[in-house]
């Protein structure tokens, strides 16, 4: 058989791309069950068949669904994971759902111990992501599918989502998110101590659609100018201000959020504070309420002194003043569909 993963990893590493693998094997216990409902010709009882075991379960949402995966299936699940770790040494392993099933709990712990120990031997810093409290808190990274937390978290976490709104893979007539939405999503997630795992669904021949290619280029162009607010950044006192979008919790990004220039997300890097305004102002006026004039009697938290405000995309310094309403910036105006980022230097 052709080693598709091996070929991909070899190419990725030549180009300096970090490699990761996803595992959806757990739900294969039941995923092909409909093949048993009619004369499908599927060989559901042959362990060598892609349809095996096609079990009919009573409730796929329950953590205690019946029948639970048996020892033979669990051993096979663990052995397959060990095989991909040994063969490909991925830096990240992403788990989809169903590993939260009671039967998988012990086996997931065995896998984590195995993978982390092997990665240590290889000098790697591995990451495992999981959903639905399948792993012990702190033993891996929490993942929220197509959504995120409502505010900043003290622990690292991840959002996984796709550029295609209707499917993770390629389908005809898919609806694609534009670069503005992707960048707004990225800024919101990073400000809350999260990371964005963005899925692209290639066609059967491996090519990527023109729509997705264009969005990726636009995102890359934005990051080339504003990346210092993202890469290596940390959360601030507050993740931001304004509305929190309509994508709190899993499966909540079915429509594009309606942000304004009042919706701002903050990060810090070294001695700089970054304000990512999710929607540009038409008149170039921006007010950052979190950086308003300090007054302990009114519950303000920020007591810093702003010395300079610069816009990352053009490198220019812009005038500002501070009063009870916030830090006022007279910056660039326009209708470009991307967040605008200010680098704020404090005394």
Protein backbone atom coordinates (compact mmCIF):
# COMPACT_ATOMS: atom_id res chain seq x y z
CA UNK A 1 0.00 0.00 0.00
CA UNK A 2 1.09 3.57 -0.62
CA UNK A 3 2.32 5.35 2.52
CA UNK A 4 0.38 8.59 2.09
CA UNK A 5 1.15 9.89 5.59
CA UNK A 6 4.84 9.18 5.14
CA UNK A 7 4.93 11.07 1.85
CA UNK A 8 3.07 14.03 3.31
CA UNK A 9 5.26 14.21 6.41
CA UNK A 10 8.43 14.02 4.35
CA UNK A 11 7.27 16.92 2.19
CA UNK A 12 6.03 18.96 5.16
CA UNK A 13 9.32 18.62 7.00
CA UNK A 14 11.31 19.69 3.96
CA UNK A 15 9.35 22.94 4.09
CA UNK A 16 9.65 23.39 7.87
CA UNK A 17 5.98 22.63 8.58
CA UNK A 18 5.11 21.16 11.98
CA UNK A 19 3.41 17.79 11.60
CA UNK A 20 0.35 16.47 13.40
CA UNK A 21 -2.06 13.57 13.06
CA UNK A 22 -5.74 13.21 13.86
CA UNK A 23 -7.38 10.06 15.21
CA UNK A 24 -11.06 9.31 14.65
CA UNK A 25 -10.75 5.57 15.13
CA UNK A 26 -12.71 5.48 18.39
CA UNK A 27 -16.08 6.23 16.78
CA UNK A 28 -15.43 3.60 14.12
CA UNK A 29 -16.91 1.18 16.66
CA UNK A 30 -20.35 2.29 15.49
CA UNK A 31 -19.76 4.64 12.55
CA UNK A 32 -20.68 2.20 9.77
CA UNK A 33 -23.65 0.69 11.64
CA UNK A 34 -26.16 1.64 8.94
CA UNK A 35 -24.48 -0.88 6.66
CA UNK A 36 -26.26 -3.56 8.71
CA UNK A 37 -29.70 -2.08 8.12
CA UNK A 38 -30.02 -3.26 4.51
CA UNK A 39 -28.37 -5.57 2.01
CA UNK A 40 -25.35 -3.31 1.54
CA UNK A 41 -22.82 -5.97 0.68
CA UNK A 42 -20.52 -4.60 3.39
CA UNK A 43 -18.40 -7.19 5.18
CA UNK A 44 -19.20 -5.91 8.65
CA UNK A 45 -17.91 -8.95 10.56
CA UNK A 46 -14.49 -9.18 8.93
CA UNK A 47 -11.77 -7.44 11.00
CA UNK A 48 -9.91 -6.72 7.75
CA UNK A 49 -12.89 -4.81 6.32
CA UNK A 50 -13.23 -1.04 6.54
CA UNK A 51 -16.80 -1.59 7.76
CA UNK A 52 -15.79 -3.66 10.78
CA UNK A 53 -17.23 -3.76 13.42
CA UNK A 54 -20.29 -1.59 12.54
CA UNK A 55 -21.84 -2.11 15.96
CA UNK A 56 -25.43 -1.08 16.65
CA UNK A 57 -25.23 1.03 19.82
CA UNK A 58 -28.12 2.32 21.90
CA UNK A 59 -26.99 5.95 22.39
CA UNK A 60 -23.85 7.38 20.78
CA UNK A 61 -24.06 10.50 23.01
CA UNK A 62 -23.92 8.55 26.27
CA UNK A 63 -20.55 7.94 27.93
CA UNK A 64 -21.84 4.47 28.84
CA UNK A 65 -23.40 3.44 25.52
CA UNK A 66 -24.11 -0.24 25.04
CA UNK A 67 -22.37 -2.25 23.86
CA UNK A 68 -19.10 -0.67 24.95
CA UNK A 69 -16.00 -1.35 22.82
CA UNK A 70 -14.51 -4.71 23.75
CA UNK A 71 -10.92 -5.51 24.71
CA UNK A 72 -9.95 -6.66 21.22
CA UNK A 73 -11.13 -3.40 19.69
CA UNK A 74 -9.45 -1.29 22.38
CA UNK A 75 -6.16 -3.17 22.01
CA UNK A 76 -6.33 -2.60 18.25
CA UNK A 77 -7.07 1.09 18.81
CA UNK A 78 -4.02 1.48 21.03
CA UNK A 79 -1.75 -0.54 18.72
CA UNK A 80 -2.72 1.59 15.72
CA UNK A 81 -1.84 4.74 17.64
CA UNK A 82 1.50 3.29 18.72
CA UNK A 83 2.22 2.42 15.09
CA UNK A 84 1.69 5.98 13.85
CA UNK A 85 3.78 7.38 16.71
CA UNK A 86 6.67 5.06 15.94
CA UNK A 87 6.47 5.49 12.18
CA UNK A 88 5.91 9.24 11.92
CA UNK A 89 6.78 10.92 15.24
CA UNK A 90 4.10 13.63 14.97
CA UNK A 91 4.41 16.75 17.09
CA UNK A 92 0.67 16.81 17.71
CA UNK A 93 -2.05 14.18 18.03
CA UNK A 94 -5.61 15.42 17.68
CA UNK A 95 -8.46 13.27 19.00
CA UNK A 96 -12.01 13.63 17.83
CA UNK A 97 -14.86 12.68 20.14
CA UNK A 98 -15.84 9.28 21.56
CA UNK A 99 -12.60 8.71 23.42
CA UNK A 100 -14.65 10.03 26.37
CA UNK A 101 -16.45 6.67 26.42
CA UNK A 102 -15.88 4.84 29.69
CA UNK A 103 -14.18 1.93 27.93
CA UNK A 104 -11.52 4.20 26.40
CA UNK A 105 -10.47 6.04 29.58
CA UNK A 106 -7.77 3.62 30.73
CA UNK A 107 -6.50 3.12 27.19
CA UNK A 108 -6.24 6.85 26.61
CA UNK A 109 -4.08 7.17 29.74
CA UNK A 110 -1.88 4.35 28.44
CA UNK A 111 -1.50 6.16 25.13
CA UNK A 112 -0.61 9.48 26.77
CA UNK A 113 2.05 7.83 28.91
CA UNK A 114 3.48 6.01 25.89
CA UNK A 115 3.50 9.03 23.58
CA UNK A 116 4.89 11.47 26.12
CA UNK A 117 7.68 9.10 27.13
CA UNK A 118 8.65 8.37 23.54
CA UNK A 119 8.59 12.08 22.69
CA UNK A 120 10.88 12.76 25.65
CA UNK A 121 13.31 10.15 24.36
CA UNK A 122 13.25 11.82 20.94
CA UNK A 123 13.71 15.33 22.33
CA UNK A 124 10.25 16.45 21.23
CA UNK A 125 7.70 18.69 22.95
CA UNK A 126 4.44 16.89 22.08
CA UNK A 127 0.83 18.09 22.20
CA UNK A 128 -2.33 16.00 22.51
CA UNK A 129 -5.79 17.55 22.18
CA UNK A 130 -9.05 16.06 23.44
CA UNK A 131 -12.74 16.84 23.88
CA UNK A 132 -15.47 16.20 26.46
CA UNK A 133 -13.19 15.71 29.50
CA UNK A 134 -11.83 12.47 28.06
CA UNK A 135 -8.40 13.07 29.65
CA UNK A 136 -7.42 14.22 33.11
CA UNK A 137 -7.29 18.01 33.30
CA UNK A 138 -3.76 19.24 32.62
CA UNK A 139 -2.61 16.03 30.94
CA UNK A 140 -3.47 17.30 27.45
CA UNK A 141 -5.00 20.32 25.70
CA UNK A 142 -8.75 20.91 25.69
CA UNK A 143 -10.27 21.32 22.22
CA UNK A 144 -13.57 23.03 21.40
CA UNK A 145 -14.97 22.19 17.98
CA UNK A 146 -16.25 25.15 15.94
CA UNK A 147 -16.46 27.45 18.95
CA UNK A 148 -14.55 28.79 21.92
CA UNK A 149 -14.56 29.90 25.54
CA UNK A 150 -16.42 33.10 26.51
CA UNK A 151 -13.39 34.63 28.24
CA UNK A 152 -9.70 34.18 28.96
CA UNK A 153 -8.52 30.90 30.51
CA UNK A 154 -5.37 30.39 32.62
CA UNK A 155 -4.59 27.17 30.73
CA UNK A 156 -3.83 26.61 27.03
CA UNK A 157 -6.70 25.38 24.88
CA UNK A 158 -7.58 25.01 21.21
CA UNK A 159 -10.39 25.71 18.79
CA UNK A 160 -10.67 23.41 15.80
CA UNK A 161 -12.75 24.69 12.94
CA UNK A 162 -12.93 24.51 9.17
CA UNK A 163 -12.88 27.18 6.51
CA UNK A 164 -15.84 25.39 4.95
CA UNK A 165 -18.99 26.08 6.91
CA UNK A 166 -20.87 22.99 5.71
CA UNK A 167 -18.16 20.35 5.74
CA UNK A 168 -14.66 19.51 6.94
CA UNK A 169 -13.84 17.91 3.60
CA UNK A 170 -14.35 19.09 0.06
CA UNK A 171 -17.93 19.20 -1.20
CA UNK A 172 -19.47 21.01 -4.13
CA UNK A 173 -21.14 24.34 -3.40
CA UNK A 174 -19.59 24.66 0.04
CA UNK A 175 -19.93 27.95 1.89
CA UNK A 176 -16.53 29.35 2.85
CA UNK A 177 -15.64 31.77 5.62
CA UNK A 178 -13.83 34.86 4.40
CA UNK A 179 -10.45 36.04 5.68
CA UNK A 180 -12.03 38.71 7.85
CA UNK A 181 -13.99 36.11 9.81
CA UNK A 182 -10.96 33.83 10.13
CA UNK A 183 -8.80 36.70 11.42
CA UNK A 184 -11.48 37.93 13.83
CA UNK A 185 -11.79 34.39 15.11
CA UNK A 186 -8.01 34.08 15.47
CA UNK A 187 -7.71 37.34 17.41
CA UNK A 188 -10.55 36.37 19.74
CA UNK A 189 -9.12 32.92 20.44
CA UNK A 190 -5.53 34.05 21.04
CA UNK A 191 -6.68 36.83 23.38
CA UNK A 192 -8.28 34.11 25.53
CA UNK A 193 -5.11 31.97 25.67
CA UNK A 194 -6.22 29.64 22.91
CA UNK A 195 -4.83 28.42 19.60
CA UNK A 196 -6.65 28.06 16.29
CA UNK A 197 -6.47 24.81 14.34
CA UNK A 198 -7.84 25.73 10.90
CA UNK A 199 -8.93 22.91 8.63
CA UNK A 200 -8.69 23.04 4.85
CA UNK A 201 -10.56 20.39 2.85
CA UNK A 202 -8.59 19.38 -0.26
CA UNK A 203 -10.18 17.77 -3.29
CA UNK A 204 -9.60 14.11 -4.14
CA UNK A 205 -6.58 15.03 -6.26
CA UNK A 206 -4.98 16.94 -3.37
CA UNK A 207 -5.61 20.42 -4.74
CA UNK A 208 -7.14 23.19 -2.65
CA UNK A 209 -10.06 25.26 -3.88
CA UNK A 210 -9.46 28.77 -5.19
CA UNK A 211 -11.68 30.16 -2.43
CA UNK A 212 -9.60 28.59 0.33
CA UNK A 213 -6.33 29.44 -1.38
CA UNK A 214 -7.27 33.11 -1.62
CA UNK A 215 -8.30 33.24 2.04
CA UNK A 216 -5.06 31.58 3.14
CA UNK A 217 -3.03 34.13 1.18
CA UNK A 218 -4.99 37.00 2.72
CA UNK A 219 -4.53 35.57 6.22
CA UNK A 220 -0.82 35.11 5.54
CA UNK A 221 -0.50 38.68 4.29
CA UNK A 222 -2.17 40.00 7.45
CA UNK A 223 0.06 37.89 9.69
CA UNK A 224 3.19 39.10 7.90
CA UNK A 225 2.36 42.61 9.14
CA UNK A 226 0.55 41.91 12.40
CA UNK A 227 1.98 38.59 13.53
CA UNK A 228 3.80 40.00 16.55
CA UNK A 229 0.39 40.46 18.22
CA UNK A 230 -0.25 36.72 17.72
CA UNK A 231 2.97 34.69 17.71
CA UNK A 232 4.58 34.35 21.12
CA UNK A 233 1.94 36.58 22.71
CA UNK A 234 0.23 36.07 26.05
CA UNK A 235 -3.19 37.08 27.40
CA UNK A 236 -3.60 40.42 29.16
CA UNK A 237 -5.67 41.30 32.26
CA UNK A 238 -8.76 41.12 30.05
CA UNK A 239 -9.24 39.35 26.75
CA UNK A 240 -10.99 42.38 25.33
CA UNK A 241 -14.07 44.53 25.25
CA UNK A 242 -17.24 44.87 23.25
CA UNK A 243 -19.44 41.96 22.27
CA UNK A 244 -18.23 38.39 22.60
CA UNK A 245 -19.53 37.23 19.26
CA UNK A 246 -22.04 34.46 18.78
CA UNK A 247 -19.60 31.57 18.95
CA UNK A 248 -19.29 30.71 22.65
CA UNK A 249 -19.33 26.95 23.15
CA UNK A 250 -18.99 24.15 20.63
CA UNK A 251 -20.66 24.24 17.20
CA UNK A 252 -21.47 27.93 17.45
CA UNK A 253 -19.76 29.35 14.35
CA UNK A 254 -22.53 28.65 11.86
CA UNK A 255 -22.79 32.31 10.89
CA UNK A 256 -20.40 35.24 10.63
CA UNK A 257 -20.41 37.48 13.74
CA UNK A 258 -21.25 41.17 13.40
CA UNK A 259 -18.40 43.09 15.01
CA UNK A 260 -17.82 46.86 15.13
CA UNK A 261 -14.87 49.12 15.95
CA UNK A 262 -15.91 48.78 19.62
CA UNK A 263 -14.94 45.11 19.62
CA UNK A 264 -11.30 44.88 20.66
CA UNK A 265 -9.06 41.98 21.71
CA UNK A 266 -5.84 42.37 23.71
CA UNK A 267 -2.57 40.45 23.90
CA UNK A 268 0.86 41.22 25.36
CA UNK A 269 4.33 40.36 24.11
CA UNK A 270 7.43 41.34 26.03
CA UNK A 271 6.86 44.95 27.09
CA UNK A 272 4.19 45.81 24.51
CA UNK A 273 0.41 45.74 24.69
CA UNK A 274 -1.49 44.96 21.50
CA UNK A 275 -5.04 46.04 20.74
CA UNK A 276 -6.65 44.17 17.85
CA UNK A 277 -9.71 46.08 16.67
CA UNK A 278 -11.91 43.49 14.99
CA UNK A 279 -13.65 45.93 12.63
CA UNK A 280 -12.07 49.08 11.23
CA UNK A 281 -13.51 52.48 11.98
CA UNK A 282 -14.90 54.40 9.01
CA UNK A 283 -13.66 57.70 10.49
CA UNK A 284 -10.38 56.50 12.03
CA UNK A 285 -11.50 57.10 15.62
CA UNK A 286 -10.99 54.30 18.12
CA UNK A 287 -11.80 54.24 21.83
CA UNK A 288 -10.25 51.56 24.05
CA UNK A 289 -12.40 51.53 27.17
CA UNK A 290 -10.18 49.14 29.15
CA UNK A 291 -7.37 51.73 29.01
CA UNK A 292 -9.45 54.59 30.41
CA UNK A 293 -8.16 57.05 33.00
CA UNK A 294 -7.48 55.27 36.27
CA UNK A 295 -9.98 55.83 39.06
CA UNK A 296 -10.01 53.25 41.90
CA UNK A 297 -13.38 54.56 43.07
CA UNK A 298 -14.90 53.53 39.75
CA UNK A 299 -13.33 50.09 39.67
CA UNK A 300 -10.72 50.65 37.00
CA UNK A 301 -7.97 48.04 36.84
CA UNK A 302 -5.50 49.55 34.39
CA UNK A 303 -3.07 52.05 35.96
CA UNK A 304 -0.48 52.10 33.20
CA UNK A 305 0.81 55.19 31.40
CA UNK A 306 0.54 55.12 27.62
CA UNK A 307 3.60 56.63 25.94
CA UNK A 308 3.17 55.72 22.28
CA UNK A 309 0.64 54.15 19.91
CA UNK A 310 1.69 52.63 16.59
CA UNK A 311 -0.23 50.81 13.88
CA UNK A 312 1.46 47.56 12.88
CA UNK A 313 0.31 47.45 9.28
CA UNK A 314 1.90 50.76 8.28
CA UNK A 315 4.45 51.22 11.08
CA UNK A 316 3.26 54.76 11.75
CA UNK A 317 2.76 56.45 15.10
CA UNK A 318 -0.68 57.94 15.77
CA UNK A 319 -1.94 60.65 18.15
CA UNK A 320 -3.91 59.67 21.24
CA UNK A 321 -5.28 60.94 24.52
CA UNK A 322 -6.75 59.34 27.63
CA UNK A 323 -9.87 60.35 29.55
CA UNK A 324 -12.64 58.72 31.57
CA UNK A 325 -14.06 57.09 28.45
CA UNK A 326 -10.88 55.35 27.39
CA UNK A 327 -7.75 55.61 25.29
CA UNK A 328 -8.71 57.60 22.19
CA UNK A 329 -6.68 56.89 19.06
CA UNK A 330 -6.92 58.85 15.83
CA UNK A 331 -5.77 56.12 13.47
CA UNK A 332 -6.29 54.77 9.97
CA UNK A 333 -9.79 54.66 8.57
CA UNK A 334 -11.15 52.53 5.78
CA UNK A 335 -13.23 49.50 4.99
CA UNK A 336 -10.52 46.87 4.55
CA UNK A 337 -11.98 43.52 5.70
CA UNK A 338 -9.40 42.72 8.38
CA UNK A 339 -8.69 43.66 12.01
CA UNK A 340 -6.41 46.63 12.61
CA UNK A 341 -3.73 46.23 15.28
CA UNK A 342 -2.22 48.92 17.50
CA UNK A 343 1.04 48.41 19.39
CA UNK A 344 0.91 50.32 22.65
CA UNK A 345 4.09 51.28 24.49
CA UNK A 346 3.74 51.89 28.22
CA UNK A 347 5.96 53.92 30.53
